[in-house]
Amino acid sequence: MAKTYDFPSDLRAGQEELHQVRAELSALLKRLPWSVEPLDGFSDAGGWRKIERPASPGWTADEQAEVEKLRRREHELAVFVSCHRFWSEVATEDRVEARTHLKHAHGTPPGESD
């Protein structure tokens, strides 16, 4: 039988916000041009697969600031979640399983994370 974990509410909230920030950052990066700096387009058919990129206008200062803000918040949340005091209460051999449960616990009420 799989173990269940009673994650503290602040840890669950931190993990949920981490999911949200990563999704927001991923969506933003998909919308932005491929290069931060303005660059000409290129085509390279000489490798094992063809690579093409259109010209990139680069990112605006606001876009760069938004990416930096999201990356900084993602880092803060990752440190908060991974260094939370809860992990010292979990047996070393169970931490990977517990961490996996936490990553997939969003949307489930506390105490029902299995």
C-alpha atoms as a PDB file:
ATOM      1  CA  MET A   1       0.000   0.000   0.000  1.00  0.00           C
ATOM      2  CA  ALA A   2       1.292   3.445  -0.901  1.00  0.00           C
ATOM      3  CA  LYS A   3       2.166   5.783   1.911  1.00  0.00           C
ATOM      4  CA  THR A   4       0.243   8.971   2.456  1.00  0.00           C
ATOM      5  CA  TYR A   5       1.784  12.236   3.550  1.00  0.00           C
ATOM      6  CA  ASP A   6       0.221  15.037   5.525  1.00  0.00           C
ATOM      7  CA  PHE A   7       1.878  17.985   3.823  1.00  0.00           C
ATOM      8  CA  PRO A   8       1.739  21.311   5.679  1.00  0.00           C
ATOM      9  CA  SER A   9      -0.491  23.890   4.020  1.00  0.00           C
ATOM     10  CA  ASP A  10       2.389  26.313   3.367  1.00  0.00           C
ATOM     11  CA  LEU A  11       4.361  23.565   1.598  1.00  0.00           C
ATOM     12  CA  ARG A  12       1.339  22.626  -0.526  1.00  0.00           C
ATOM     13  CA  ALA A  13       0.744  26.304  -1.340  1.00  0.00           C
ATOM     14  CA  GLY A  14       4.395  26.794  -2.265  1.00  0.00           C
ATOM     15  CA  GLN A  15       4.327  23.768  -4.563  1.00  0.00           C
ATOM     16  CA  GLU A  16       1.094  24.939  -6.198  1.00  0.00           C
ATOM     17  CA  GLU A  17       2.524  28.415  -6.804  1.00  0.00           C
ATOM     18  CA  LEU A  18       5.681  26.808  -8.202  1.00  0.00           C
ATOM     19  CA  HIS A  19       3.525  24.887 -10.714  1.00  0.00           C
ATOM     20  CA  GLN A  20       1.744  28.121 -11.666  1.00  0.00           C
ATOM     21  CA  VAL A  21       4.930  30.165 -12.045  1.00  0.00           C
ATOM     22  CA  ARG A  22       6.556  27.464 -14.185  1.00  0.00           C
ATOM     23  CA  ALA A  23       3.481  27.265 -16.422  1.00  0.00           C
ATOM     24  CA  GLU A  24       3.380  31.052 -16.771  1.00  0.00           C
ATOM     25  CA  LEU A  25       7.110  31.211 -17.564  1.00  0.00           C
ATOM     26  CA  SER A  26       6.824  28.401 -20.110  1.00  0.00           C
ATOM     27  CA  ALA A  27       3.890  30.107 -21.863  1.00  0.00           C
ATOM     28  CA  LEU A  28       5.749  33.437 -21.911  1.00  0.00           C
ATOM     29  CA  LEU A  29       8.913  31.889 -23.367  1.00  0.00           C
ATOM     30  CA  LYS A  30       6.870  30.211 -26.109  1.00  0.00           C
ATOM     31  CA  ARG A  31       5.395  33.583 -27.103  1.00  0.00           C
ATOM     32  CA  LEU A  32       8.700  35.449 -27.176  1.00  0.00           C
ATOM     33  CA  PRO A  33      11.119  35.569 -30.111  1.00  0.00           C
ATOM     34  CA  TRP A  34      13.748  32.816 -30.114  1.00  0.00           C
ATOM     35  CA  SER A  35      16.597  35.214 -29.340  1.00  0.00           C
ATOM     36  CA  VAL A  36      16.854  37.738 -26.530  1.00  0.00           C
ATOM     37  CA  GLU A  37      19.020  39.984 -28.719  1.00  0.00           C
ATOM     38  CA  PRO A  38      18.023  41.017 -32.270  1.00  0.00           C
ATOM     39  CA  LEU A  39      19.573  38.500 -34.689  1.00  0.00           C
ATOM     40  CA  ASP A  40      19.281  37.686 -38.366  1.00  0.00           C
ATOM     41  CA  GLY A  41      17.520  34.518 -39.363  1.00  0.00           C
ATOM     42  CA  PHE A  42      19.482  31.495 -40.533  1.00  0.00           C
ATOM     43  CA  SER A  43      19.150  28.105 -42.174  1.00  0.00           C
ATOM     44  CA  ASP A  44      21.507  25.166 -41.718  1.00  0.00           C
ATOM     45  CA  ALA A  45      20.839  22.003 -43.686  1.00  0.00           C
ATOM     46  CA  GLY A  46      24.368  20.609 -43.229  1.00  0.00           C
ATOM     47  CA  GLY A  47      23.764  18.811 -39.940  1.00  0.00           C
ATOM     48  CA  TRP A  48      21.846  15.626 -39.217  1.00  0.00           C
ATOM     49  CA  ARG A  49      18.652  17.667 -39.264  1.00  0.00           C
ATOM     50  CA  LYS A  50      17.745  20.952 -40.863  1.00  0.00           C
ATOM     51  CA  ILE A  51      17.567  23.953 -38.564  1.00  0.00           C
ATOM     52  CA  GLU A  52      15.860  27.192 -39.520  1.00  0.00           C
ATOM     53  CA  ARG A  53      15.163  30.309 -37.524  1.00  0.00           C
ATOM     54  CA  PRO A  54      13.481  33.467 -38.728  1.00  0.00           C
ATOM     55  CA  ALA A  55      14.984  36.845 -37.924  1.00  0.00           C
ATOM     56  CA  SER A  56      14.458  37.745 -34.266  1.00  0.00           C
ATOM     57  CA  PRO A  57      13.599  41.286 -33.212  1.00  0.00           C
ATOM     58  CA  GLY A  58      14.838  40.402 -29.711  1.00  0.00           C
ATOM     59  CA  TRP A  59      13.021  40.929 -26.457  1.00  0.00           C
ATOM     60  CA  THR A  60      11.890  44.282 -25.166  1.00  0.00           C
ATOM     61  CA  ALA A  61      13.127  45.534 -21.810  1.00  0.00           C
ATOM     62  CA  ASP A  62       9.684  44.763 -20.342  1.00  0.00           C
ATOM     63  CA  GLU A  63       9.775  41.202 -21.677  1.00  0.00           C
ATOM     64  CA  GLN A  64      13.263  40.667 -20.266  1.00  0.00           C
ATOM     65  CA  ALA A  65      12.136  42.039 -16.909  1.00  0.00           C
ATOM     66  CA  GLU A  66       9.074  39.761 -16.862  1.00  0.00           C
ATOM     67  CA  VAL A  67      11.181  36.669 -17.630  1.00  0.00           C
ATOM     68  CA  GLU A  68      13.690  37.651 -14.943  1.00  0.00           C
ATOM     69  CA  LYS A  69      10.903  38.236 -12.402  1.00  0.00           C
ATOM     70  CA  LEU A  70       9.352  34.818 -13.098  1.00  0.00           C
ATOM     71  CA  ARG A  71      12.719  33.033 -13.019  1.00  0.00           C
ATOM     72  CA  ARG A  72      13.592  34.689  -9.715  1.00  0.00           C
ATOM     73  CA  ARG A  73      10.229  33.692  -8.212  1.00  0.00           C
ATOM     74  CA  GLU A  74      10.607  30.147  -9.556  1.00  0.00           C
ATOM     75  CA  HIS A  75      14.001  29.909  -7.850  1.00  0.00           C
ATOM     76  CA  GLU A  76      12.646  31.273  -4.548  1.00  0.00           C
ATOM     77  CA  LEU A  77       9.790  28.772  -4.575  1.00  0.00           C
ATOM     78  CA  ALA A  78      12.012  25.831  -5.537  1.00  0.00           C
ATOM     79  CA  VAL A  79      14.321  26.638  -2.615  1.00  0.00           C
ATOM     80  CA  PHE A  80      11.350  27.068  -0.260  1.00  0.00           C
ATOM     81  CA  VAL A  81       9.806  23.728  -1.259  1.00  0.00           C
ATOM     82  CA  SER A  82      13.022  21.714  -1.311  1.00  0.00           C
ATOM     83  CA  CYS A  83      14.341  23.117   1.984  1.00  0.00           C
ATOM     84  CA  HIS A  84      11.037  23.065   3.888  1.00  0.00           C
ATOM     85  CA  ARG A  85      11.269  21.755   7.465  1.00  0.00           C
ATOM     86  CA  PHE A  86       8.748  19.013   6.565  1.00  0.00           C
ATOM     87  CA  TRP A  87      11.423  17.010   4.717  1.00  0.00           C
ATOM     88  CA  SER A  88      13.403  16.484   7.931  1.00  0.00           C
ATOM     89  CA  GLU A  89      10.370  14.608   9.301  1.00  0.00           C
ATOM     90  CA  VAL A  90      10.329  12.180   6.353  1.00  0.00           C
ATOM     91  CA  ALA A  91      12.617   9.145   6.426  1.00  0.00           C
ATOM     92  CA  THR A  92      15.488   9.530   3.981  1.00  0.00           C
ATOM     93  CA  GLU A  93      14.437   6.495   1.956  1.00  0.00           C
ATOM     94  CA  ASP A  94      10.894   7.916   1.575  1.00  0.00           C
ATOM     95  CA  ARG A  95      11.776  11.468   0.473  1.00  0.00           C
ATOM     96  CA  VAL A  96      11.760  10.857  -3.273  1.00  0.00           C
ATOM     97  CA  GLU A  97       8.342   9.210  -3.070  1.00  0.00           C
ATOM     98  CA  ALA A  98       7.029  11.983  -0.807  1.00  0.00           C
ATOM     99  CA  ARG A  99       8.369  14.670  -3.148  1.00  0.00           C
ATOM    100  CA  THR A 100       6.637  12.964  -6.071  1.00  0.00           C
ATOM    101  CA  HIS A 101       3.375  12.875  -4.120  1.00  0.00           C
ATOM    102  CA  LEU A 102       3.686  16.576  -3.357  1.00  0.00           C
ATOM    103  CA  LYS A 103       4.295  17.438  -7.019  1.00  0.00           C
ATOM    104  CA  HIS A 104       1.046  15.685  -7.916  1.00  0.00           C
ATOM    105  CA  ALA A 105      -0.980  16.721  -4.851  1.00  0.00           C
ATOM    106  CA  HIS A 106      -2.408  19.943  -6.302  1.00  0.00           C
ATOM    107  CA  GLY A 107      -6.176  19.881  -6.364  1.00  0.00           C
ATOM    108  CA  THR A 108      -6.456  17.210  -3.664  1.00  0.00           C
ATOM    109  CA  PRO A 109      -7.513  18.109  -0.140  1.00  0.00           C
ATOM    110  CA  PRO A 110      -4.845  17.864   2.612  1.00  0.00           C
ATOM    111  CA  GLY A 111      -4.507  14.316   3.910  1.00  0.00           C
ATOM    112  CA  GLU A 112      -5.712  12.777   0.624  1.00  0.00           C
ATOM    113  CA  SER A 113      -2.426  13.043  -1.313  1.00  0.00           C
ATOM    114  CA  ASP A 114      -2.124   9.398  -2.389  1.00  0.00           C
END
